[in-house]
Amino acid sequence: MVPVLLVLLLALLLFGAGFAIKVLWWIAIAVLVVWLLGFLLRSTTASGRRSRWYRW
């Protein structure tokens, strides 16, 4: 009985980790797209220099 519970617990742990990693990949892709759009679509200032779209 104990080995079956351990296998089920391991399967549940691996399923949860796989789901979390997949979600993190989608979040990373979304952040990359937003960053690229901000980089490409940033506005120009009056002096002709391009300004940053972020505040760092």
C-alpha atoms as a PDB file:
ATOM      1  CA  MET A   1       0.000   0.000   0.000  1.00  0.00           C
ATOM      2  CA  VAL A   2       2.807   2.435   0.843  1.00  0.00           C
ATOM      3  CA  PRO A   3       4.621   2.010  -2.523  1.00  0.00           C
ATOM      4  CA  VAL A   4       1.384   2.722  -4.387  1.00  0.00           C
ATOM      5  CA  LEU A   5       0.875   5.907  -2.367  1.00  0.00           C
ATOM      6  CA  LEU A   6       4.469   6.960  -3.029  1.00  0.00           C
ATOM      7  CA  VAL A   7       4.056   6.398  -6.773  1.00  0.00           C
ATOM      8  CA  LEU A   8       0.785   8.362  -6.779  1.00  0.00           C
ATOM      9  CA  LEU A   9       2.423  11.176  -4.799  1.00  0.00           C
ATOM     10  CA  LEU A  10       5.373  11.240  -7.217  1.00  0.00           C
ATOM     11  CA  ALA A  11       3.023  11.324 -10.211  1.00  0.00           C
ATOM     12  CA  LEU A  12       1.060  14.185  -8.647  1.00  0.00           C
ATOM     13  CA  LEU A  13       4.267  16.088  -7.900  1.00  0.00           C
ATOM     14  CA  LEU A  14       5.601  15.641 -11.431  1.00  0.00           C
ATOM     15  CA  PHE A  15       2.255  16.640 -12.955  1.00  0.00           C
ATOM     16  CA  GLY A  16       2.181  19.804 -10.822  1.00  0.00           C
ATOM     17  CA  ALA A  17       5.761  20.680 -11.720  1.00  0.00           C
ATOM     18  CA  GLY A  18       5.098  20.129 -15.414  1.00  0.00           C
ATOM     19  CA  PHE A  19       2.007  22.330 -15.302  1.00  0.00           C
ATOM     20  CA  ALA A  20       3.874  25.078 -13.426  1.00  0.00           C
ATOM     21  CA  ILE A  21       6.778  24.992 -15.872  1.00  0.00           C
ATOM     22  CA  LYS A  22       4.393  25.192 -18.830  1.00  0.00           C
ATOM     23  CA  VAL A  23       2.620  28.201 -17.274  1.00  0.00           C
ATOM     24  CA  LEU A  24       5.968  29.891 -16.609  1.00  0.00           C
ATOM     25  CA  TRP A  25       6.967  29.416 -20.260  1.00  0.00           C
ATOM     26  CA  TRP A  26       3.733  31.108 -21.421  1.00  0.00           C
ATOM     27  CA  ILE A  27       4.316  33.979 -18.981  1.00  0.00           C
ATOM     28  CA  ALA A  28       7.910  34.360 -20.244  1.00  0.00           C
ATOM     29  CA  ILE A  29       6.702  34.451 -23.858  1.00  0.00           C
ATOM     30  CA  ALA A  30       4.063  37.076 -23.010  1.00  0.00           C
ATOM     31  CA  VAL A  31       6.637  39.263 -21.239  1.00  0.00           C
ATOM     32  CA  LEU A  32       9.006  38.936 -24.194  1.00  0.00           C
ATOM     33  CA  VAL A  33       6.277  39.995 -26.630  1.00  0.00           C
ATOM     34  CA  VAL A  34       5.356  43.018 -24.493  1.00  0.00           C
ATOM     35  CA  TRP A  35       9.015  43.996 -24.203  1.00  0.00           C
ATOM     36  CA  LEU A  36       9.569  43.690 -27.952  1.00  0.00           C
ATOM     37  CA  LEU A  37       6.443  45.716 -28.720  1.00  0.00           C
ATOM     38  CA  GLY A  38       7.527  48.414 -26.289  1.00  0.00           C
ATOM     39  CA  PHE A  39      10.997  48.443 -27.778  1.00  0.00           C
ATOM     40  CA  LEU A  40       9.711  48.733 -31.341  1.00  0.00           C
ATOM     41  CA  LEU A  41       6.858  51.157 -30.696  1.00  0.00           C
ATOM     42  CA  ARG A  42       8.503  53.584 -28.305  1.00  0.00           C
ATOM     43  CA  SER A  43       7.738  57.207 -28.980  1.00  0.00           C
ATOM     44  CA  THR A  44      10.160  59.873 -30.143  1.00  0.00           C
ATOM     45  CA  THR A  45      10.793  63.074 -28.269  1.00  0.00           C
ATOM     46  CA  ALA A  46      10.857  66.623 -29.683  1.00  0.00           C
ATOM     47  CA  SER A  47      14.638  66.598 -29.987  1.00  0.00           C
ATOM     48  CA  GLY A  48      14.560  63.563 -32.234  1.00  0.00           C
ATOM     49  CA  ARG A  49      16.123  61.247 -29.670  1.00  0.00           C
ATOM     50  CA  ARG A  50      14.159  58.159 -28.854  1.00  0.00           C
ATOM     51  CA  SER A  51      12.935  57.908 -25.287  1.00  0.00           C
ATOM     52  CA  ARG A  52      12.711  54.820 -23.155  1.00  0.00           C
ATOM     53  CA  TRP A  53       9.284  53.317 -22.598  1.00  0.00           C
ATOM     54  CA  TYR A  54      10.332  52.010 -19.188  1.00  0.00           C
ATOM     55  CA  ARG A  55      11.508  53.946 -16.124  1.00  0.00           C
ATOM     56  CA  TRP A  56      14.814  52.230 -15.277  1.00  0.00           C
END
